[in-house]
Amino acid sequence: MLNWSEMSIQEILALAIADEEEARDYYRHAAGLAGNMHTRRVLMGLAEMEQGHAETLRKELEELSVQRDLEAGMAD
């Protein structure tokens, strides 16, 4: 069980990215199994949304890393 109060924002974002990627893969897999073209398109659209969420979270994580590095540089 996760202890959220002891996790850093970086750890939380990393978990969120993994969750988004898992959801993306789930939708892609389901799309591959779908027999109906409309259903396949909807599922692939959902997969793309999850990929977008993962990318947004990755950018946030990167920005936090840059900010942390800048703050560390200011302390020198």
Protein backbone atom coordinates (compact mmCIF):
# COMPACT_ATOMS: atom_id res chain seq x y z
CA MET A 1 0.00 0.00 0.00
CA LEU A 2 1.27 3.43 -0.90
CA ASN A 3 1.95 5.95 1.81
CA TRP A 4 1.09 9.13 -0.07
CA SER A 5 2.25 11.40 2.74
CA GLU A 6 5.81 10.08 2.41
CA MET A 7 5.98 10.32 -1.38
CA SER A 8 7.60 13.17 -3.27
CA ILE A 9 5.75 14.93 -6.06
CA GLN A 10 8.24 13.34 -8.45
CA GLU A 11 7.31 9.86 -7.23
CA ILE A 12 3.61 10.63 -7.48
CA LEU A 13 4.00 11.93 -11.02
CA ALA A 14 6.05 8.87 -12.01
CA LEU A 15 3.25 6.61 -10.75
CA ALA A 16 0.66 8.69 -12.57
CA ILE A 17 2.65 8.41 -15.82
CA ALA A 18 2.81 4.64 -15.43
CA ASP A 19 -0.96 4.53 -14.83
CA GLU A 20 -1.65 6.61 -17.94
CA GLU A 21 0.62 4.38 -20.03
CA GLU A 22 -1.10 1.27 -18.69
CA ALA A 23 -4.50 2.73 -19.61
CA ARG A 24 -3.16 3.63 -23.08
CA ASP A 25 -1.96 0.07 -23.60
CA TYR A 26 -5.28 -1.31 -22.37
CA TYR A 27 -7.24 0.76 -24.89
CA ARG A 28 -4.84 -0.14 -27.71
CA HIS A 29 -5.19 -3.81 -26.90
CA ALA A 30 -8.97 -3.56 -26.75
CA ALA A 31 -8.98 -1.71 -30.09
CA GLY A 32 -7.03 -4.55 -31.63
CA LEU A 33 -9.69 -6.99 -30.47
CA ALA A 34 -12.68 -4.88 -31.50
CA GLY A 35 -14.60 -6.18 -34.46
CA ASN A 36 -16.45 -2.93 -35.08
CA MET A 37 -14.59 -0.08 -36.82
CA HIS A 38 -16.44 2.60 -34.81
CA THR A 39 -15.52 0.88 -31.53
CA ARG A 40 -11.91 0.56 -32.69
CA ARG A 41 -11.76 4.29 -33.49
CA VAL A 42 -13.25 5.24 -30.11
CA LEU A 43 -10.77 3.01 -28.27
CA MET A 44 -7.82 4.38 -30.25
CA GLY A 45 -9.02 7.90 -29.46
CA LEU A 46 -9.05 7.03 -25.77
CA ALA A 47 -5.54 5.56 -26.11
CA GLU A 48 -4.37 8.84 -27.67
CA MET A 49 -5.92 10.80 -24.81
CA GLU A 50 -4.08 8.65 -22.26
CA GLN A 51 -0.83 9.17 -24.19
CA GLY A 52 -1.46 12.92 -24.05
CA HIS A 53 -2.00 12.74 -20.31
CA ALA A 54 1.28 10.83 -19.89
CA GLU A 55 3.12 13.44 -21.97
CA THR A 56 1.63 16.28 -19.94
CA LEU A 57 2.71 14.61 -16.72
CA ARG A 58 6.19 13.95 -18.14
CA LYS A 59 6.54 17.66 -18.97
CA GLU A 60 5.46 18.58 -15.44
CA LEU A 61 8.01 16.16 -14.02
CA GLU A 62 10.70 17.64 -16.24
CA GLU A 63 9.78 21.18 -15.17
CA LEU A 64 10.03 20.15 -11.52
CA SER A 65 13.46 18.68 -12.19
CA VAL A 66 14.63 21.87 -13.92
CA GLN A 67 13.24 23.99 -11.07
CA ARG A 68 14.97 21.78 -8.50
CA ASP A 69 18.26 22.10 -10.40
CA LEU A 70 17.88 25.89 -10.60
CA GLU A 71 17.16 26.11 -6.89
CA ALA A 72 20.17 23.92 -6.12
CA GLY A 73 22.34 26.15 -8.30
CA MET A 74 21.17 29.23 -6.43
CA ALA A 75 22.23 27.64 -3.16
CA ASP A 76 25.83 27.30 -4.34
